[in-house]
Amino acid sequence: MILDITAVSKKDGGGYYAYFEDGEIILRPTATKDLLEIVWLSVDNKEKRKSGLGEKVLKEVSLSLNGVKLKPWSIKEEAMPFWKKMEQRGLCVLP
């Protein structure tokens, strides 16, 4: 997977945008240096949903950013099973 990660300047709030072929993820800094909040994660291609792509994105983002921990900022009820699975696999921490 090709993941294009772009840092956002501190004057614009900091964080990162990452784009991949079928979606995007937006991350913002927290008060904790090694923790980023996931503000948005989208797999736009509906045929690619439930294929493991979201998990691959989380792994690649964390590795690309030196093992930073990821925490979803807000979770829709229907997405909670995905986030619980990602937490069990050590890819995020839940609020």
PDB file of N, CA and C in Angstrom:
ATOM      1  N   MET A   1       0.847  -1.172   0.000  1.00  0.00           N
ATOM      2  CA  MET A   1       0.000   0.000   0.000  1.00  0.00           C
ATOM      3  C   MET A   1       0.890   1.232   0.000  1.00  0.00           C
ATOM      4  N   ILE A   2       0.490   2.222  -0.751  1.00  0.00           N
ATOM      5  CA  ILE A   2       1.217   3.494  -0.771  1.00  0.00           C
ATOM      6  C   ILE A   2       0.446   4.471   0.097  1.00  0.00           C
ATOM      7  N   LEU A   3       1.114   4.958   1.128  1.00  0.00           N
ATOM      8  CA  LEU A   3       0.510   5.891   2.067  1.00  0.00           C
ATOM      9  C   LEU A   3       1.312   7.179   2.014  1.00  0.00           C
ATOM     10  N   ASP A   4       0.668   8.253   1.632  1.00  0.00           N
ATOM     11  CA  ASP A   4       1.323   9.552   1.515  1.00  0.00           C
ATOM     12  C   ASP A   4       0.994  10.372   2.756  1.00  0.00           C
ATOM     13  N   ILE A   5       1.968  10.501   3.667  1.00  0.00           N
ATOM     14  CA  ILE A   5       1.749  11.216   4.929  1.00  0.00           C
ATOM     15  C   ILE A   5       2.340  12.613   4.823  1.00  0.00           C
ATOM     16  N   THR A   6       1.520  13.603   5.148  1.00  0.00           N
ATOM     17  CA  THR A   6       1.942  14.997   5.109  1.00  0.00           C
ATOM     18  C   THR A   6       1.766  15.613   6.486  1.00  0.00           C
ATOM     19  N   ALA A   7       2.818  16.220   7.008  1.00  0.00           N
ATOM     20  CA  ALA A   7       2.736  16.914   8.295  1.00  0.00           C
ATOM     21  C   ALA A   7       2.039  18.252   8.095  1.00  0.00           C
ATOM     22  N   VAL A   8       1.221  18.625   9.073  1.00  0.00           N
ATOM     23  CA  VAL A   8       0.534  19.917   9.080  1.00  0.00           C
ATOM     24  C   VAL A   8       1.358  20.855   9.960  1.00  0.00           C
ATOM     25  N   SER A   9       1.547  22.077   9.509  1.00  0.00           N
ATOM     26  CA  SER A   9       2.360  23.023  10.279  1.00  0.00           C
ATOM     27  C   SER A   9       1.728  23.296  11.647  1.00  0.00           C
ATOM     28  N   LYS A  10       2.579  23.606  12.617  1.00  0.00           N
ATOM     29  CA  LYS A  10       2.088  23.895  13.966  1.00  0.00           C
ATOM     30  C   LYS A  10       1.157  25.093  13.980  1.00  0.00           C
ATOM     31  N   LYS A  11       1.425  26.074  13.120  1.00  0.00           N
ATOM     32  CA  LYS A  11       0.541  27.260  13.105  1.00  0.00           C
ATOM     33  C   LYS A  11      -0.854  26.900  12.593  1.00  0.00           C
ATOM     34  N   ASP A  12      -0.961  25.767  11.879  1.00  0.00           N
ATOM     35  CA  ASP A  12      -2.262  25.287  11.403  1.00  0.00           C
ATOM     36  C   ASP A  12      -2.816  24.175  12.283  1.00  0.00           C
ATOM     37  N   GLY A  13      -2.252  24.009  13.472  1.00  0.00           N
ATOM     38  CA  GLY A  13      -2.764  23.045  14.428  1.00  0.00           C
ATOM     39  C   GLY A  13      -1.954  21.767  14.558  1.00  0.00           C
ATOM     40  N   GLY A  14      -1.004  21.551  13.662  1.00  0.00           N
ATOM     41  CA  GLY A  14      -0.174  20.355  13.734  1.00  0.00           C
ATOM     42  C   GLY A  14      -0.912  19.102  13.313  1.00  0.00           C
ATOM     43  N   GLY A  15      -0.260  17.981  13.441  1.00  0.00           N
ATOM     44  CA  GLY A  15      -0.854  16.705  13.082  1.00  0.00           C
ATOM     45  C   GLY A  15      -0.413  16.237  11.711  1.00  0.00           C
ATOM     46  N   TYR A  16      -1.201  15.336  11.136  1.00  0.00           N
ATOM     47  CA  TYR A  16      -0.854  14.727   9.860  1.00  0.00           C
ATOM     48  C   TYR A  16      -2.105  14.423   9.052  1.00  0.00           C
ATOM     49  N   TYR A  17      -1.955  14.508   7.751  1.00  0.00           N
ATOM     50  CA  TYR A  17      -2.929  13.977   6.806  1.00  0.00           C
ATOM     51  C   TYR A  17      -2.227  12.835   6.099  1.00  0.00           C
ATOM     52  N   ALA A  18      -2.920  11.739   5.899  1.00  0.00           N
ATOM     53  CA  ALA A  18      -2.351  10.631   5.134  1.00  0.00           C
ATOM     54  C   ALA A  18      -3.393  10.161   4.134  1.00  0.00           C
ATOM     55  N   TYR A  19      -2.960  10.067   2.907  1.00  0.00           N
ATOM     56  CA  TYR A  19      -3.843   9.633   1.838  1.00  0.00           C
ATOM     57  C   TYR A  19      -3.358   8.304   1.301  1.00  0.00           C
ATOM     58  N   PHE A  20      -4.293   7.452   0.969  1.00  0.00           N
ATOM     59  CA  PHE A  20      -3.990   6.198   0.303  1.00  0.00           C
ATOM     60  C   PHE A  20      -5.003   6.033  -0.825  1.00  0.00           C
ATOM     61  N   GLU A  21      -4.775   5.055  -1.674  1.00  0.00           N
ATOM     62  CA  GLU A  21      -5.573   4.932  -2.894  1.00  0.00           C
ATOM     63  C   GLU A  21      -7.079   4.949  -2.643  1.00  0.00           C
ATOM     64  N   ASP A  22      -7.527   4.346  -1.564  1.00  0.00           N
ATOM     65  CA  ASP A  22      -8.958   4.207  -1.329  1.00  0.00           C
ATOM     66  C   ASP A  22      -9.490   5.002  -0.141  1.00  0.00           C
ATOM     67  N   GLY A  23      -8.745   6.020   0.323  1.00  0.00           N
ATOM     68  CA  GLY A  23      -9.258   6.798   1.436  1.00  0.00           C
ATOM     69  C   GLY A  23      -8.231   7.722   2.049  1.00  0.00           C
ATOM     70  N   GLU A  24      -8.510   8.111   3.305  1.00  0.00           N
ATOM     71  CA  GLU A  24      -7.636   9.042   3.998  1.00  0.00           C
ATOM     72  C   GLU A  24      -7.767   8.862   5.502  1.00  0.00           C
ATOM     73  N   ILE A  25      -6.757   9.371   6.208  1.00  0.00           N
ATOM     74  CA  ILE A  25      -6.768   9.418   7.669  1.00  0.00           C
ATOM     75  C   ILE A  25      -6.223  10.784   8.075  1.00  0.00           C
ATOM     76  N   ILE A  26      -6.867  11.389   9.068  1.00  0.00           N
ATOM     77  CA  ILE A  26      -6.440  12.692   9.574  1.00  0.00           C
ATOM     78  C   ILE A  26      -6.136  12.526  11.058  1.00  0.00           C
ATOM     79  N   LEU A  27      -4.959  12.980  11.458  1.00  0.00           N
ATOM     80  CA  LEU A  27      -4.487  12.841  12.831  1.00  0.00           C
ATOM     81  C   LEU A  27      -4.148  14.198  13.417  1.00  0.00           C
ATOM     82  N   ARG A  28      -4.432  14.369  14.698  1.00  0.00           N
ATOM     83  CA  ARG A  28      -4.047  15.622  15.356  1.00  0.00           C
ATOM     84  C   ARG A  28      -3.277  15.319  16.628  1.00  0.00           C
ATOM     85  N   PRO A  29      -2.413  16.250  17.016  1.00  0.00           N
ATOM     86  CA  PRO A  29      -1.597  16.031  18.222  1.00  0.00           C
ATOM     87  C   PRO A  29      -2.443  16.085  19.492  1.00  0.00           C
ATOM     88  N   THR A  30      -1.893  15.492  20.535  1.00  0.00           N
ATOM     89  CA  THR A  30      -2.507  15.546  21.865  1.00  0.00           C
ATOM     90  C   THR A  30      -1.478  16.124  22.827  1.00  0.00           C
ATOM     91  N   ALA A  31      -1.860  16.266  24.071  1.00  0.00           N
ATOM     92  CA  ALA A  31      -0.922  16.759  25.087  1.00  0.00           C
ATOM     93  C   ALA A  31       0.182  15.736  25.355  1.00  0.00           C
ATOM     94  N   THR A  32      -0.068  14.478  24.993  1.00  0.00           N
ATOM     95  CA  THR A  32       0.919  13.417  25.168  1.00  0.00           C
ATOM     96  C   THR A  32       1.743  13.295  23.897  1.00  0.00           C
ATOM     97  N   LYS A  33       3.053  13.385  24.025  1.00  0.00           N
ATOM     98  CA  LYS A  33       3.959  13.429  22.873  1.00  0.00           C
ATOM     99  C   LYS A  33       3.837  12.220  21.945  1.00  0.00           C
ATOM    100  N   ASP A  34       3.641  11.023  22.516  1.00  0.00           N
ATOM    101  CA  ASP A  34       3.631   9.810  21.696  1.00  0.00           C
ATOM    102  C   ASP A  34       2.219   9.311  21.370  1.00  0.00           C
ATOM    103  N   LEU A  35       1.227  10.219  21.382  1.00  0.00           N
ATOM    104  CA  LEU A  35      -0.156   9.853  21.107  1.00  0.00           C
ATOM    105  C   LEU A  35      -0.768  10.839  20.116  1.00  0.00           C
ATOM    106  N   LEU A  36      -1.372  10.313  19.067  1.00  0.00           N
ATOM    107  CA  LEU A  36      -2.111  11.134  18.100  1.00  0.00           C
ATOM    108  C   LEU A  36      -3.567  10.700  18.087  1.00  0.00           C
ATOM    109  N   GLU A  37      -4.459  11.668  17.956  1.00  0.00           N
ATOM    110  CA  GLU A  37      -5.876  11.350  17.836  1.00  0.00           C
ATOM    111  C   GLU A  37      -6.245  11.185  16.366  1.00  0.00           C
ATOM    112  N   ILE A  38      -7.013  10.149  16.104  1.00  0.00           N
ATOM    113  CA  ILE A  38      -7.536   9.935  14.762  1.00  0.00           C
ATOM    114  C   ILE A  38      -8.838  10.722  14.677  1.00  0.00           C
ATOM    115  N   VAL A  39      -8.811  11.789  13.903  1.00  0.00           N
ATOM    116  CA  VAL A  39      -9.986  12.631  13.734  1.00  0.00           C
ATOM    117  C   VAL A  39     -10.877  12.066  12.631  1.00  0.00           C
ATOM    118  N   TRP A  40     -10.259  11.424  11.652  1.00  0.00           N
ATOM    119  CA  TRP A  40     -11.008  10.906  10.509  1.00  0.00           C
ATOM    120  C   TRP A  40     -10.261   9.724   9.910  1.00  0.00           C
ATOM    121  N   LEU A  41     -10.979   8.647   9.654  1.00  0.00           N
ATOM    122  CA  LEU A  41     -10.449   7.508   8.904  1.00  0.00           C
ATOM    123  C   LEU A  41     -11.550   7.077   7.955  1.00  0.00           C
ATOM    124  N   SER A  42     -11.244   7.083   6.685  1.00  0.00           N
ATOM    125  CA  SER A  42     -12.255   6.753   5.690  1.00  0.00           C
ATOM    126  C   SER A  42     -11.688   5.816   4.637  1.00  0.00           C
ATOM    127  N   VAL A  43     -12.409   4.729   4.386  1.00  0.00           N
ATOM    128  CA  VAL A  43     -12.144   3.873   3.236  1.00  0.00           C
ATOM    129  C   VAL A  43     -13.273   4.183   2.264  1.00  0.00           C
ATOM    130  N   ASP A  44     -12.955   4.970   1.246  1.00  0.00           N
ATOM    131  CA  ASP A  44     -13.979   5.490   0.344  1.00  0.00           C
ATOM    132  C   ASP A  44     -14.546   4.438  -0.603  1.00  0.00           C
ATOM    133  N   ASN A  45     -13.727   3.495  -1.010  1.00  0.00           N
ATOM    134  CA  ASN A  45     -14.160   2.445  -1.919  1.00  0.00           C
ATOM    135  C   ASN A  45     -14.934   1.406  -1.108  1.00  0.00           C
ATOM    136  N   LYS A  46     -16.250   1.378  -1.250  1.00  0.00           N
ATOM    137  CA  LYS A  46     -17.086   0.474  -0.447  1.00  0.00           C
ATOM    138  C   LYS A  46     -16.717  -0.989  -0.642  1.00  0.00           C
ATOM    139  N   GLU A  47     -16.204  -1.344  -1.802  1.00  0.00           N
ATOM    140  CA  GLU A  47     -15.807  -2.727  -2.066  1.00  0.00           C
ATOM    141  C   GLU A  47     -14.577  -3.128  -1.251  1.00  0.00           C
ATOM    142  N   LYS A  48     -13.805  -2.152  -0.785  1.00  0.00           N
ATOM    143  CA  LYS A  48     -12.593  -2.433  -0.006  1.00  0.00           C
ATOM    144  C   LYS A  48     -12.863  -2.454   1.502  1.00  0.00           C
ATOM    145  N   ARG A  49     -14.063  -2.042   1.910  1.00  0.00           N
ATOM    146  CA  ARG A  49     -14.384  -2.076   3.340  1.00  0.00           C
ATOM    147  C   ARG A  49     -14.480  -3.521   3.803  1.00  0.00           C
ATOM    148  N   LYS A  50     -14.126  -3.750   5.048  1.00  0.00           N
ATOM    149  CA  LYS A  50     -14.107  -5.082   5.666  1.00  0.00           C
ATOM    150  C   LYS A  50     -13.125  -6.017   4.976  1.00  0.00           C
ATOM    151  N   SER A  51     -12.086  -5.430   4.371  1.00  0.00           N
ATOM    152  CA  SER A  51     -11.066  -6.228   3.694  1.00  0.00           C
ATOM    153  C   SER A  51      -9.731  -6.200   4.431  1.00  0.00           C
ATOM    154  N   GLY A  52      -9.675  -5.483   5.572  1.00  0.00           N
ATOM    155  CA  GLY A  52      -8.424  -5.357   6.310  1.00  0.00           C
ATOM    156  C   GLY A  52      -7.648  -4.093   5.975  1.00  0.00           C
ATOM    157  N   LEU A  53      -8.187  -3.264   5.095  1.00  0.00           N
ATOM    158  CA  LEU A  53      -7.481  -2.057   4.671  1.00  0.00           C
ATOM    159  C   LEU A  53      -7.298  -1.071   5.822  1.00  0.00           C
ATOM    160  N   GLY A  54      -8.330  -0.857   6.630  1.00  0.00           N
ATOM    161  CA  GLY A  54      -8.213   0.056   7.766  1.00  0.00           C
ATOM    162  C   GLY A  54      -7.114  -0.372   8.722  1.00  0.00           C
ATOM    163  N   GLU A  55      -7.035  -1.670   8.980  1.00  0.00           N
ATOM    164  CA  GLU A  55      -5.980  -2.198   9.847  1.00  0.00           C
ATOM    165  C   GLU A  55      -4.600  -1.949   9.237  1.00  0.00           C
ATOM    166  N   LYS A  56      -4.465  -2.169   7.942  1.00  0.00           N
ATOM    167  CA  LYS A  56      -3.187  -1.927   7.266  1.00  0.00           C
ATOM    168  C   LYS A  56      -2.784  -0.462   7.370  1.00  0.00           C
ATOM    169  N   VAL A  57      -3.760   0.440   7.225  1.00  0.00           N
ATOM    170  CA  VAL A  57      -3.478   1.873   7.314  1.00  0.00           C
ATOM    171  C   VAL A  57      -2.975   2.221   8.709  1.00  0.00           C
ATOM    172  N   LEU A  58      -3.658   1.734   9.744  1.00  0.00           N
ATOM    173  CA  LEU A  58      -3.233   2.026  11.114  1.00  0.00           C
ATOM    174  C   LEU A  58      -1.821   1.510  11.380  1.00  0.00           C
ATOM    175  N   LYS A  59      -1.517   0.306  10.913  1.00  0.00           N
ATOM    176  CA  LYS A  59      -0.168  -0.248  11.090  1.00  0.00           C
ATOM    177  C   LYS A  59       0.868   0.622  10.394  1.00  0.00           C
ATOM    178  N   GLU A  60       0.584   0.987   9.152  1.00  0.00           N
ATOM    179  CA  GLU A  60       1.560   1.751   8.386  1.00  0.00           C
ATOM    180  C   GLU A  60       1.764   3.151   8.964  1.00  0.00           C
ATOM    181  N   VAL A  61       0.684   3.790   9.398  1.00  0.00           N
ATOM    182  CA  VAL A  61       0.804   5.119  10.004  1.00  0.00           C
ATOM    183  C   VAL A  61       1.675   5.041  11.250  1.00  0.00           C
ATOM    184  N   SER A  62       1.387   4.091  12.128  1.00  0.00           N
ATOM    185  CA  SER A  62       2.153   3.972  13.364  1.00  0.00           C
ATOM    186  C   SER A  62       3.635   3.708  13.076  1.00  0.00           C
ATOM    187  N   LEU A  63       3.911   2.802  12.144  1.00  0.00           N
ATOM    188  CA  LEU A  63       5.308   2.509  11.793  1.00  0.00           C
ATOM    189  C   LEU A  63       5.995   3.720  11.173  1.00  0.00           C
ATOM    190  N   SER A  64       5.289   4.419  10.297  1.00  0.00           N
ATOM    191  CA  SER A  64       5.865   5.589   9.623  1.00  0.00           C
ATOM    192  C   SER A  64       6.160   6.718  10.597  1.00  0.00           C
ATOM    193  N   LEU A  65       5.405   6.765  11.696  1.00  0.00           N
ATOM    194  CA  LEU A  65       5.584   7.838  12.679  1.00  0.00           C
ATOM    195  C   LEU A  65       6.267   7.312  13.941  1.00  0.00           C
ATOM    196  N   ASN A  66       7.178   6.367  13.764  1.00  0.00           N
ATOM    197  CA  ASN A  66       8.026   5.842  14.848  1.00  0.00           C
ATOM    198  C   ASN A  66       7.249   5.219  16.005  1.00  0.00           C
ATOM    199  N   GLY A  67       6.219   4.459  15.704  1.00  0.00           N
ATOM    200  CA  GLY A  67       5.489   3.723  16.732  1.00  0.00           C
ATOM    201  C   GLY A  67       4.548   4.541  17.575  1.00  0.00           C
ATOM    202  N   VAL A  68       4.181   5.722  17.113  1.00  0.00           N
ATOM    203  CA  VAL A  68       3.255   6.561  17.861  1.00  0.00           C
ATOM    204  C   VAL A  68       1.945   5.805  18.111  1.00  0.00           C
ATOM    205  N   LYS A  69       1.342   6.042  19.269  1.00  0.00           N
ATOM    206  CA  LYS A  69       0.055   5.428  19.585  1.00  0.00           C
ATOM    207  C   LYS A  69      -1.060   6.252  18.941  1.00  0.00           C
ATOM    208  N   LEU A  70      -2.111   5.559  18.540  1.00  0.00           N
ATOM    209  CA  LEU A  70      -3.244   6.209  17.885  1.00  0.00           C
ATOM    210  C   LEU A  70      -4.501   6.016  18.724  1.00  0.00           C
ATOM    211  N   LYS A  71      -5.288   7.086  18.834  1.00  0.00           N
ATOM    212  CA  LYS A  71      -6.526   7.016  19.608  1.00  0.00           C
ATOM    213  C   LYS A  71      -7.646   7.657  18.794  1.00  0.00           C
ATOM    214  N   PRO A  72      -8.715   6.909  18.504  1.00  0.00           N
ATOM    215  CA  PRO A  72      -9.831   7.536  17.802  1.00  0.00           C
ATOM    216  C   PRO A  72     -10.459   8.616  18.669  1.00  0.00           C
ATOM    217  N   TRP A  73     -10.749   9.757  18.061  1.00  0.00           N
ATOM    218  CA  TRP A  73     -11.299  10.903  18.789  1.00  0.00           C
ATOM    219  C   TRP A  73     -12.776  10.713  19.079  1.00  0.00           C
ATOM    220  N   SER A  74     -13.522  10.251  18.113  1.00  0.00           N
ATOM    221  CA  SER A  74     -14.957  10.047  18.253  1.00  0.00           C
ATOM    222  C   SER A  74     -15.307   8.788  17.462  1.00  0.00           C
ATOM    223  N   ILE A  75     -16.148   7.944  18.033  1.00  0.00           N
ATOM    224  CA  ILE A  75     -16.456   6.671  17.382  1.00  0.00           C
ATOM    225  C   ILE A  75     -17.965   6.543  17.184  1.00  0.00           C
ATOM    226  N   LYS A  76     -18.354   6.329  15.932  1.00  0.00           N
ATOM    227  CA  LYS A  76     -19.759   6.047  15.649  1.00  0.00           C
ATOM    228  C   LYS A  76     -20.079   4.661  16.186  1.00  0.00           C
ATOM    229  N   GLU A  77     -21.297   4.490  16.668  1.00  0.00           N
ATOM    230  CA  GLU A  77     -21.693   3.221  17.273  1.00  0.00           C
ATOM    231  C   GLU A  77     -21.456   2.039  16.324  1.00  0.00           C
ATOM    232  N   GLU A  78     -21.768   2.222  15.053  1.00  0.00           N
ATOM    233  CA  GLU A  78     -21.617   1.118  14.105  1.00  0.00           C
ATOM    234  C   GLU A  78     -20.149   0.778  13.815  1.00  0.00           C
ATOM    235  N   ALA A  79     -19.242   1.681  14.164  1.00  0.00           N
ATOM    236  CA  ALA A  79     -17.813   1.439  13.944  1.00  0.00           C
ATOM    237  C   ALA A  79     -17.118   0.861  15.171  1.00  0.00           C
ATOM    238  N   MET A  80     -17.808   0.786  16.293  1.00  0.00           N
ATOM    239  CA  MET A  80     -17.184   0.318  17.534  1.00  0.00           C
ATOM    240  C   MET A  80     -16.587  -1.088  17.413  1.00  0.00           C
ATOM    241  N   PRO A  81     -17.227  -2.059  16.735  1.00  0.00           N
ATOM    242  CA  PRO A  81     -16.592  -3.374  16.608  1.00  0.00           C
ATOM    243  C   PRO A  81     -15.220  -3.309  15.922  1.00  0.00           C
ATOM    244  N   PHE A  82     -15.098  -2.463  14.901  1.00  0.00           N
ATOM    245  CA  PHE A  82     -13.806  -2.295  14.232  1.00  0.00           C
ATOM    246  C   PHE A  82     -12.771  -1.760  15.208  1.00  0.00           C
ATOM    247  N   TRP A  83     -13.111  -0.710  15.962  1.00  0.00           N
ATOM    248  CA  TRP A  83     -12.146  -0.092  16.873  1.00  0.00           C
ATOM    249  C   TRP A  83     -11.771  -1.008  18.023  1.00  0.00           C
ATOM    250  N   LYS A  84     -12.732  -1.787  18.514  1.00  0.00           N
ATOM    251  CA  LYS A  84     -12.414  -2.753  19.576  1.00  0.00           C
ATOM    252  C   LYS A  84     -11.432  -3.796  19.064  1.00  0.00           C
ATOM    253  N   LYS A  85     -11.641  -4.245  17.827  1.00  0.00           N
ATOM    254  CA  LYS A  85     -10.719  -5.218  17.228  1.00  0.00           C
ATOM    255  C   LYS A  85      -9.328  -4.607  17.071  1.00  0.00           C
ATOM    256  N   MET A  86      -9.262  -3.343  16.656  1.00  0.00           N
ATOM    257  CA  MET A  86      -7.966  -2.681  16.480  1.00  0.00           C
ATOM    258  C   MET A  86      -7.265  -2.510  17.821  1.00  0.00           C
ATOM    259  N   GLU A  87      -8.044  -2.232  18.877  1.00  0.00           N
ATOM    260  CA  GLU A  87      -7.442  -2.120  20.213  1.00  0.00           C
ATOM    261  C   GLU A  87      -6.890  -3.473  20.665  1.00  0.00           C
ATOM    262  N   GLN A  88      -7.646  -4.546  20.440  1.00  0.00           N
ATOM    263  CA  GLN A  88      -7.186  -5.886  20.818  1.00  0.00           C
ATOM    264  C   GLN A  88      -5.900  -6.257  20.084  1.00  0.00           C
ATOM    265  N   ARG A  89      -5.732  -5.744  18.873  1.00  0.00           N
ATOM    266  CA  ARG A  89      -4.536  -6.044  18.088  1.00  0.00           C
ATOM    267  C   ARG A  89      -3.398  -5.071  18.360  1.00  0.00           C
ATOM    268  N   GLY A  90      -3.613  -4.160  19.306  1.00  0.00           N
ATOM    269  CA  GLY A  90      -2.565  -3.232  19.705  1.00  0.00           C
ATOM    270  C   GLY A  90      -2.339  -2.079  18.742  1.00  0.00           C
ATOM    271  N   LEU A  91      -3.333  -1.779  17.902  1.00  0.00           N
ATOM    272  CA  LEU A  91      -3.170  -0.726  16.910  1.00  0.00           C
ATOM    273  C   LEU A  91      -3.751   0.616  17.333  1.00  0.00           C
ATOM    274  N   CYS A  92      -4.503   0.631  18.427  1.00  0.00           N
ATOM    275  CA  CYS A  92      -5.035   1.894  18.937  1.00  0.00           C
ATOM    276  C   CYS A  92      -5.364   1.727  20.412  1.00  0.00           C
ATOM    277  N   VAL A  93      -5.592   2.856  21.042  1.00  0.00           N
ATOM    278  CA  VAL A  93      -6.104   2.869  22.412  1.00  0.00           C
ATOM    279  C   VAL A  93      -7.458   3.560  22.362  1.00  0.00           C
ATOM    280  N   LEU A  94      -8.432   2.989  23.030  1.00  0.00           N
ATOM    281  CA  LEU A  94      -9.755   3.590  23.011  1.00  0.00           C
ATOM    282  C   LEU A  94      -9.883   4.630  24.117  1.00  0.00           C
ATOM    283  N   PRO A  95     -10.687   5.661  23.857  1.00  0.00           N
ATOM    284  CA  PRO A  95     -10.873   6.716  24.869  1.00  0.00           C
ATOM    285  C   PRO A  95     -11.576   6.190  26.109  1.00  0.00           C
TER     286      PRO A  95
END
